[in-house]
PDB file of N, CA and C in Angstrom:
ATOM      1  N   MET A   1      88.709  72.464  97.475  1.00  0.00           N
ATOM      2  CA  MET A   1      89.728  71.825  98.872  1.00  0.00           C
ATOM      3  C   MET A   1      88.750  70.186  98.364  1.00  0.00           C
ATOM      4  N   PHE A   2      87.413  70.681  98.657  1.00  0.00           N
ATOM      5  CA  PHE A   2      86.920  69.213  98.803  1.00  0.00           C
ATOM      6  C   PHE A   2      87.418  68.304  97.075  1.00  0.00           C
ATOM      7  N   ILE A   3      87.369  68.836  95.945  1.00  0.00           N
ATOM      8  CA  ILE A   3      88.174  68.265  94.592  1.00  0.00           C
ATOM      9  C   ILE A   3      89.200  67.129  94.913  1.00  0.00           C
ATOM     10  N   GLU A   4      89.895  68.359  95.538  1.00  0.00           N
ATOM     11  CA  GLU A   4      91.512  67.823  96.147  1.00  0.00           C
ATOM     12  C   GLU A   4      91.296  66.771  97.342  1.00  0.00           C
ATOM     13  N   SER A   5      90.746  67.164  97.805  1.00  0.00           N
ATOM     14  CA  SER A   5      90.533  65.768  98.533  1.00  0.00           C
ATOM     15  C   SER A   5      90.320  64.848  98.042  1.00  0.00           C
ATOM     16  N   ILE A   6      89.066  64.371  97.427  1.00  0.00           N
ATOM     17  CA  ILE A   6      88.720  63.427  96.577  1.00  0.00           C
ATOM     18  C   ILE A   6      89.600  62.886  95.512  1.00  0.00           C
ATOM     19  N   GLY A   7      90.903  63.575  95.168  1.00  0.00           N
ATOM     20  CA  GLY A   7      92.068  63.001  94.421  1.00  0.00           C
ATOM     21  C   GLY A   7      92.949  62.556  95.491  1.00  0.00           C
ATOM     22  N   ILE A   8      93.239  63.052  97.277  1.00  0.00           N
ATOM     23  CA  ILE A   8      94.109  62.720  97.899  1.00  0.00           C
ATOM     24  C   ILE A   8      93.358  60.789  98.641  1.00  0.00           C
ATOM     25  N   ILE A   9      92.340  61.173  98.268  1.00  0.00           N
ATOM     26  CA  ILE A   9      91.901  60.279  98.820  1.00  0.00           C
ATOM     27  C   ILE A   9      92.273  58.887  98.085  1.00  0.00           C
ATOM     28  N   ALA A  10      91.897  58.637  96.792  1.00  0.00           N
ATOM     29  CA  ALA A  10      91.808  57.896  95.639  1.00  0.00           C
ATOM     30  C   ALA A  10      93.530  57.348  95.109  1.00  0.00           C
ATOM     31  N   SER A  11      95.001  58.832  95.796  1.00  0.00           N
ATOM     32  CA  SER A  11      95.508  57.897  95.839  1.00  0.00           C
ATOM     33  C   SER A  11      96.404  57.592  96.786  1.00  0.00           C
ATOM     34  N   ILE A  12      96.125  57.835  97.803  1.00  0.00           N
ATOM     35  CA  ILE A  12      96.030  56.302  99.061  1.00  0.00           C
ATOM     36  C   ILE A  12      95.710  55.557  99.048  1.00  0.00           C
ATOM     37  N   ILE A  13      94.052  55.430  98.377  1.00  0.00           N
ATOM     38  CA  ILE A  13      93.840  54.281  98.370  1.00  0.00           C
ATOM     39  C   ILE A  13      94.488  53.281  96.974  1.00  0.00           C
ATOM     40  N   PHE A  14      94.682  53.965  96.452  1.00  0.00           N
ATOM     41  CA  PHE A  14      95.663  53.691  95.434  1.00  0.00           C
ATOM     42  C   PHE A  14      97.374  53.277  95.371  1.00  0.00           C
ATOM     43  N   ILE A  15      97.519  53.804  96.488  1.00  0.00           N
ATOM     44  CA  ILE A  15      99.073  53.133  97.538  1.00  0.00           C
ATOM     45  C   ILE A  15      98.718  52.003  98.389  1.00  0.00           C
ATOM     46  N   VAL A  16      97.786  52.102  99.185  1.00  0.00           N
ATOM     47  CA  VAL A  16      97.656  51.288 100.114  1.00  0.00           C
ATOM     48  C   VAL A  16      97.346  49.839  99.337  1.00  0.00           C
ATOM     49  N   SER A  17      96.598  50.324  98.353  1.00  0.00           N
ATOM     50  CA  SER A  17      96.307  48.499  97.067  1.00  0.00           C
ATOM     51  C   SER A  17      97.584  47.358  96.800  1.00  0.00           C
ATOM     52  N   PHE A  18      98.785  48.578  97.198  1.00  0.00           N
ATOM     53  CA  PHE A  18      99.634  47.300  96.616  1.00  0.00           C
ATOM     54  C   PHE A  18     100.259  47.145  97.686  1.00  0.00           C
ATOM     55  N   THR A  19     100.186  46.699  98.737  1.00  0.00           N
ATOM     56  CA  THR A  19     100.495  46.122  99.878  1.00  0.00           C
ATOM     57  C   THR A  19      99.697  45.256  99.872  1.00  0.00           C
ATOM     58  N   TYR A  20      98.990  44.686  99.457  1.00  0.00           N
ATOM     59  CA  TYR A  20      98.137  43.488  99.522  1.00  0.00           C
ATOM     60  C   TYR A  20      99.049  42.197  98.268  1.00  0.00           C
ATOM     61  N   SER A  21      99.384  41.011  98.727  1.00  0.00           N
ATOM     62  CA  SER A  21     100.363  40.203  98.078  1.00  0.00           C
ATOM     63  C   SER A  21      99.399  39.230  97.606  1.00  0.00           C
ATOM     64  N   ASP A  22      97.639  39.771  97.694  1.00  0.00           N
ATOM     65  CA  ASP A  22      97.007  38.564  96.811  1.00  0.00           C
ATOM     66  C   ASP A  22      96.674  39.245  95.591  1.00  0.00           C
ATOM     67  N   GLU A  23      96.646  39.042  94.483  1.00  0.00           N
ATOM     68  CA  GLU A  23      96.410  40.326  93.580  1.00  0.00           C
ATOM     69  C   GLU A  23      95.308  40.120  92.740  1.00  0.00           C
ATOM     70  N   THR A  24      94.169  39.332  92.815  1.00  0.00           N
ATOM     71  CA  THR A  24      92.309  39.854  93.220  1.00  0.00           C
ATOM     72  C   THR A  24      92.872  40.789  94.538  1.00  0.00           C
ATOM     73  N   LYS A  25      92.858  40.826  95.526  1.00  0.00           N
ATOM     74  CA  LYS A  25      92.492  42.148  96.140  1.00  0.00           C
ATOM     75  C   LYS A  25      93.186  42.647  95.444  1.00  0.00           C
ATOM     76  N   MET A  26      94.653  43.094  95.088  1.00  0.00           N
ATOM     77  CA  MET A  26      94.971  44.123  95.307  1.00  0.00           C
ATOM     78  C   MET A  26      94.490  45.070  93.534  1.00  0.00           C
ATOM     79  N   ARG A  27      94.036  43.677  93.016  1.00  0.00           N
ATOM     80  CA  ARG A  27      93.490  44.553  91.810  1.00  0.00           C
ATOM     81  C   ARG A  27      92.008  45.251  92.321  1.00  0.00           C
ATOM     82  N   SER A  28      91.184  44.957  92.483  1.00  0.00           N
ATOM     83  CA  SER A  28      90.112  44.822  93.467  1.00  0.00           C
ATOM     84  C   SER A  28      90.498  46.687  94.090  1.00  0.00           C
ATOM     85  N   ILE A  29      91.243  46.356  95.090  1.00  0.00           N
ATOM     86  CA  ILE A  29      91.193  47.720  96.635  1.00  0.00           C
ATOM     87  C   ILE A  29      92.061  49.136  95.293  1.00  0.00           C
ATOM     88  N   ASN A  30      92.663  48.395  94.064  1.00  0.00           N
ATOM     89  CA  ASN A  30      93.271  49.323  93.030  1.00  0.00           C
ATOM     90  C   ASN A  30      92.192  50.121  91.907  1.00  0.00           C
ATOM     91  N   LEU A  31      90.860  49.110  92.148  1.00  0.00           N
ATOM     92  CA  LEU A  31      90.321  49.695  90.820  1.00  0.00           C
ATOM     93  C   LEU A  31      89.399  50.525  91.817  1.00  0.00           C
ATOM     94  N   ILE A  32      88.992  50.430  92.742  1.00  0.00           N
ATOM     95  CA  ILE A  32      88.302  51.492  93.725  1.00  0.00           C
ATOM     96  C   ILE A  32      88.303  52.587  93.652  1.00  0.00           C
ATOM     97  N   GLY A  33      89.895  52.551  94.062  1.00  0.00           N
ATOM     98  CA  GLY A  33      90.945  54.175  94.128  1.00  0.00           C
ATOM     99  C   GLY A  33      90.963  54.777  92.605  1.00  0.00           C
ATOM    100  N   GLY A  34      90.934  54.321  92.035  1.00  0.00           N
ATOM    101  CA  GLY A  34      90.639  54.082  89.990  1.00  0.00           C
ATOM    102  C   GLY A  34      89.554  54.703  89.848  1.00  0.00           C
ATOM    103  N   MET A  35      88.182  53.882  90.371  1.00  0.00           N
ATOM    104  CA  MET A  35      87.282  54.947  90.481  1.00  0.00           C
ATOM    105  C   MET A  35      87.164  56.547  90.993  1.00  0.00           C
ATOM    106  N   ILE A  36      87.559  56.164  92.027  1.00  0.00           N
ATOM    107  CA  ILE A  36      87.691  57.460  92.559  1.00  0.00           C
ATOM    108  C   ILE A  36      88.429  58.764  91.755  1.00  0.00           C
ATOM    109  N   PHE A  37      89.443  58.599  91.368  1.00  0.00           N
ATOM    110  CA  PHE A  37      90.751  59.006  90.193  1.00  0.00           C
ATOM    111  C   PHE A  37      89.718  58.932  89.291  1.00  0.00           C
ATOM    112  N   LEU A  38      88.768  58.494  88.712  1.00  0.00           N
ATOM    113  CA  LEU A  38      87.929  58.750  87.695  1.00  0.00           C
ATOM    114  C   LEU A  38      87.338  59.617  88.453  1.00  0.00           C
ATOM    115  N   ALA A  39      86.001  59.845  88.902  1.00  0.00           N
ATOM    116  CA  ALA A  39      85.630  60.999  89.952  1.00  0.00           C
ATOM    117  C   ALA A  39      86.180  62.667  89.816  1.00  0.00           C
ATOM    118  N   TYR A  40      87.325  62.261  90.140  1.00  0.00           N
ATOM    119  CA  TYR A  40      88.778  63.519  90.098  1.00  0.00           C
ATOM    120  C   TYR A  40      88.509  64.110  89.004  1.00  0.00           C
ATOM    121  N   GLY A  41      88.533  62.785  87.880  1.00  0.00           N
ATOM    122  CA  GLY A  41      88.778  63.383  86.711  1.00  0.00           C
ATOM    123  C   GLY A  41      87.830  63.892  86.422  1.00  0.00           C
ATOM    124  N   VAL A  42      86.864  63.367  86.484  1.00  0.00           N
ATOM    125  CA  VAL A  42      85.947  64.110  85.790  1.00  0.00           C
ATOM    126  C   VAL A  42      85.165  65.751  86.141  1.00  0.00           C
ATOM    127  N   LEU A  43      85.347  65.448  88.232  1.00  0.00           N
ATOM    128  CA  LEU A  43      85.485  67.068  88.457  1.00  0.00           C
ATOM    129  C   LEU A  43      86.447  68.123  88.110  1.00  0.00           C
ATOM    130  N   ILE A  44      87.638  67.712  87.870  1.00  0.00           N
ATOM    131  CA  ILE A  44      88.166  68.411  87.453  1.00  0.00           C
ATOM    132  C   ILE A  44      88.009  68.915  85.845  1.00  0.00           C
ATOM    133  N   HIS A  45      88.113  67.841  85.109  1.00  0.00           N
ATOM    134  CA  HIS A  45      87.351  68.351  83.634  1.00  0.00           C
ATOM    135  C   HIS A  45      89.095  67.554  82.704  1.00  0.00           C
ATOM    136  N   SER A  46      89.154  66.383  83.122  1.00  0.00           N
ATOM    137  CA  SER A  46      90.566  65.971  83.141  1.00  0.00           C
ATOM    138  C   SER A  46      91.028  65.526  82.000  1.00  0.00           C
ATOM    139  N   PHE A  47      90.670  65.272  80.547  1.00  0.00           N
ATOM    140  CA  PHE A  47      90.544  63.670  79.900  1.00  0.00           C
ATOM    141  C   PHE A  47      91.170  63.279  79.792  1.00  0.00           C
ATOM    142  N   SER A  48      92.588  63.417  79.941  1.00  0.00           N
ATOM    143  CA  SER A  48      94.053  62.557  80.178  1.00  0.00           C
ATOM    144  C   SER A  48      93.578  61.799  81.685  1.00  0.00           C
ATOM    145  N   THR A  49      93.081  61.952  82.351  1.00  0.00           N
ATOM    146  CA  THR A  49      93.073  61.201  83.638  1.00  0.00           C
ATOM    147  C   THR A  49      92.029  59.718  83.504  1.00  0.00           C
ATOM    148  N   VAL A  50      90.789  60.743  82.151  1.00  0.00           N
ATOM    149  CA  VAL A  50      89.039  60.144  83.004  1.00  0.00           C
ATOM    150  C   VAL A  50      89.619  58.721  82.274  1.00  0.00           C
ATOM    151  N   LEU A  51      90.894  59.284  80.628  1.00  0.00           N
ATOM    152  CA  LEU A  51      90.534  57.700  79.182  1.00  0.00           C
ATOM    153  C   LEU A  51      91.674  56.935  80.319  1.00  0.00           C
ATOM    154  N   LEU A  52      93.078  57.657  80.659  1.00  0.00           N
ATOM    155  CA  LEU A  52      93.233  56.489  81.748  1.00  0.00           C
ATOM    156  C   LEU A  52      92.887  55.690  83.295  1.00  0.00           C
ATOM    157  N   GLN A  53      91.747  56.283  83.729  1.00  0.00           N
ATOM    158  CA  GLN A  53      91.135  55.573  84.902  1.00  0.00           C
ATOM    159  C   GLN A  53      90.491  54.622  84.008  1.00  0.00           C
ATOM    160  N   THR A  54      90.116  54.581  82.875  1.00  0.00           N
ATOM    161  CA  THR A  54      88.578  54.050  82.342  1.00  0.00           C
ATOM    162  C   THR A  54      89.229  52.614  82.017  1.00  0.00           C
ATOM    163  N   VAL A  55      90.141  53.506  80.808  1.00  0.00           N
ATOM    164  CA  VAL A  55      91.567  51.963  80.317  1.00  0.00           C
ATOM    165  C   VAL A  55      91.920  50.803  81.485  1.00  0.00           C
ATOM    166  N   MET A  56      92.028  51.587  82.223  1.00  0.00           N
ATOM    167  CA  MET A  56      93.094  50.527  83.628  1.00  0.00           C
ATOM    168  C   MET A  56      91.982  49.997  83.970  1.00  0.00           C
ATOM    169  N   ALA A  57      91.238  50.497  84.397  1.00  0.00           N
ATOM    170  CA  ALA A  57      89.434  49.969  85.328  1.00  0.00           C
ATOM    171  C   ALA A  57      88.990  48.528  84.008  1.00  0.00           C
ATOM    172  N   GLY A  58      88.871  48.774  82.785  1.00  0.00           N
ATOM    173  CA  GLY A  58      88.590  47.741  82.233  1.00  0.00           C
ATOM    174  C   GLY A  58      90.003  46.512  82.268  1.00  0.00           C
ATOM    175  N   ILE A  59      91.331  47.140  82.103  1.00  0.00           N
ATOM    176  CA  ILE A  59      92.349  46.306  82.440  1.00  0.00           C
ATOM    177  C   ILE A  59      91.336  45.007  83.956  1.00  0.00           C
ATOM    178  N   HIS A  60      91.949  45.909  84.909  1.00  0.00           N
ATOM    179  CA  HIS A  60      91.847  45.470  86.418  1.00  0.00           C
ATOM    180  C   HIS A  60      90.200  44.404  86.204  1.00  0.00           C
ATOM    181  N   ILE A  61      89.678  44.712  85.422  1.00  0.00           N
ATOM    182  CA  ILE A  61      88.377  43.775  85.785  1.00  0.00           C
ATOM    183  C   ILE A  61      88.467  42.799  85.493  1.00  0.00           C
ATOM    184  N   TYR A  62      89.373  42.834  83.392  1.00  0.00           N
ATOM    185  CA  TYR A  62      89.453  41.797  82.989  1.00  0.00           C
ATOM    186  C   TYR A  62      90.576  40.875  83.653  1.00  0.00           C
ATOM    187  N   LYS A  63      91.421  41.446  84.121  1.00  0.00           N
ATOM    188  CA  LYS A  63      91.784  40.576  84.960  1.00  0.00           C
ATOM    189  C   LYS A  63      92.048  39.856  86.393  1.00  0.00           C
ATOM    190  N   ILE A  64      91.183  40.702  87.277  1.00  0.00           N
ATOM    191  CA  ILE A  64      90.351  39.349  88.413  1.00  0.00           C
ATOM    192  C   ILE A  64      89.200  38.911  87.915  1.00  0.00           C
ATOM    193  N   TYR A  65      88.865  38.849  86.574  1.00  0.00           N
ATOM    194  CA  TYR A  65      88.162  37.939  85.721  1.00  0.00           C
ATOM    195  C   TYR A  65      88.681  36.534  85.914  1.00  0.00           C
ATOM    196  N   LYS A  66      90.036  36.644  84.541  1.00  0.00           N
ATOM    197  CA  LYS A  66      91.147  35.573  84.441  1.00  0.00           C
ATOM    198  C   LYS A  66      90.717  34.515  85.122  1.00  0.00           C
ATOM    199  N   ILE A  67      91.740  35.711  86.666  1.00  0.00           N
ATOM    200  CA  ILE A  67      91.921  35.004  87.595  1.00  0.00           C
ATOM    201  C   ILE A  67      90.842  34.321  88.234  1.00  0.00           C
ATOM    202  N   LYS A  68      89.850  34.640  88.608  1.00  0.00           N
ATOM    203  CA  LYS A  68      88.016  34.009  88.926  1.00  0.00           C
ATOM    204  C   LYS A  68      88.424  32.988  87.875  1.00  0.00           C
ATOM    205  N   LYS A  69      87.919  33.040  87.118  1.00  0.00           N
ATOM    206  CA  LYS A  69      87.565  32.268  86.361  1.00  0.00           C
ATOM    207  C   LYS A  69      89.123  30.746  86.362  1.00  0.00           C
ATOM    208  N   GLY A  70      90.296  31.266  86.221  1.00  0.00           N
ATOM    209  CA  GLY A  70      91.110  30.219  86.331  1.00  0.00           C
ATOM    210  C   GLY A  70      90.873  29.644  88.365  1.00  0.00           C
ATOM    211  N   ILE A  71      90.720  30.576  88.396  1.00  0.00           N
ATOM    212  CA  ILE A  71      90.849  29.569  90.227  1.00  0.00           C
ATOM    213  C   ILE A  71      89.308  27.985  89.866  1.00  0.00           C
ATOM    214  N   GLN A  72      88.196  28.680  88.998  1.00  0.00           N
ATOM    215  CA  GLN A  72      87.064  27.352  88.802  1.00  0.00           C
ATOM    216  C   GLN A  72      88.008  26.586  88.355  1.00  0.00           C
ATOM    217  N   CYS A  73      88.641  26.519  87.112  1.00  0.00           N
ATOM    218  CA  CYS A  73      88.986  25.556  86.050  1.00  0.00           C
ATOM    219  C   CYS A  73      89.763  24.648  86.956  1.00  0.00           C
ATOM    220  N   LYS A  74      91.011  25.368  88.265  1.00  0.00           N
ATOM    221  CA  LYS A  74      91.337  24.709  88.784  1.00  0.00           C
ATOM    222  C   LYS A  74      90.671  23.714  89.402  1.00  0.00           C
ATOM    223  N   LYS A  75      89.251  24.296  90.286  1.00  0.00           N
ATOM    224  CA  LYS A  75      88.964  23.579  91.686  1.00  0.00           C
ATOM    225  C   LYS A  75      87.639  22.389  90.781  1.00  0.00           C
ATOM    226  N   ASN A  76      87.234  22.559  89.013  1.00  0.00           N
ATOM    227  CA  ASN A  76      86.991  22.063  89.101  1.00  0.00           C
ATOM    228  C   ASN A  76      87.648  20.349  87.974  1.00  0.00           C
ATOM    229  N   ILE A  77      88.688  20.449  87.988  1.00  0.00           N
ATOM    230  CA  ILE A  77      90.167  19.933  87.407  1.00  0.00           C
ATOM    231  C   ILE A  77      90.073  19.119  89.053  1.00  0.00           C
ATOM    232  N   ALA A  78      90.716  19.581  89.609  1.00  0.00           N
ATOM    233  CA  ALA A  78      90.949  18.897  91.492  1.00  0.00           C
ATOM    234  C   ALA A  78      89.615  17.759  91.642  1.00  0.00           C
TER     235      ALA A  78
END
């Protein structure tokens, strides 16, 4: 039951992340949920879950970086 609870918590965080209109906040919260899903995948020995969440984490980190970099560039222009 403990391991299943981890998956449920990750699912709730993942769903809540989509309620944010700010893309950076959405991706950041989704990343947290994904990291919990990653732990869940390790605990249940699910390679596909671990692989998916690892790739998704990389995408979220890259997109957050690009958004933050874009904000910095816009501030320097103004």
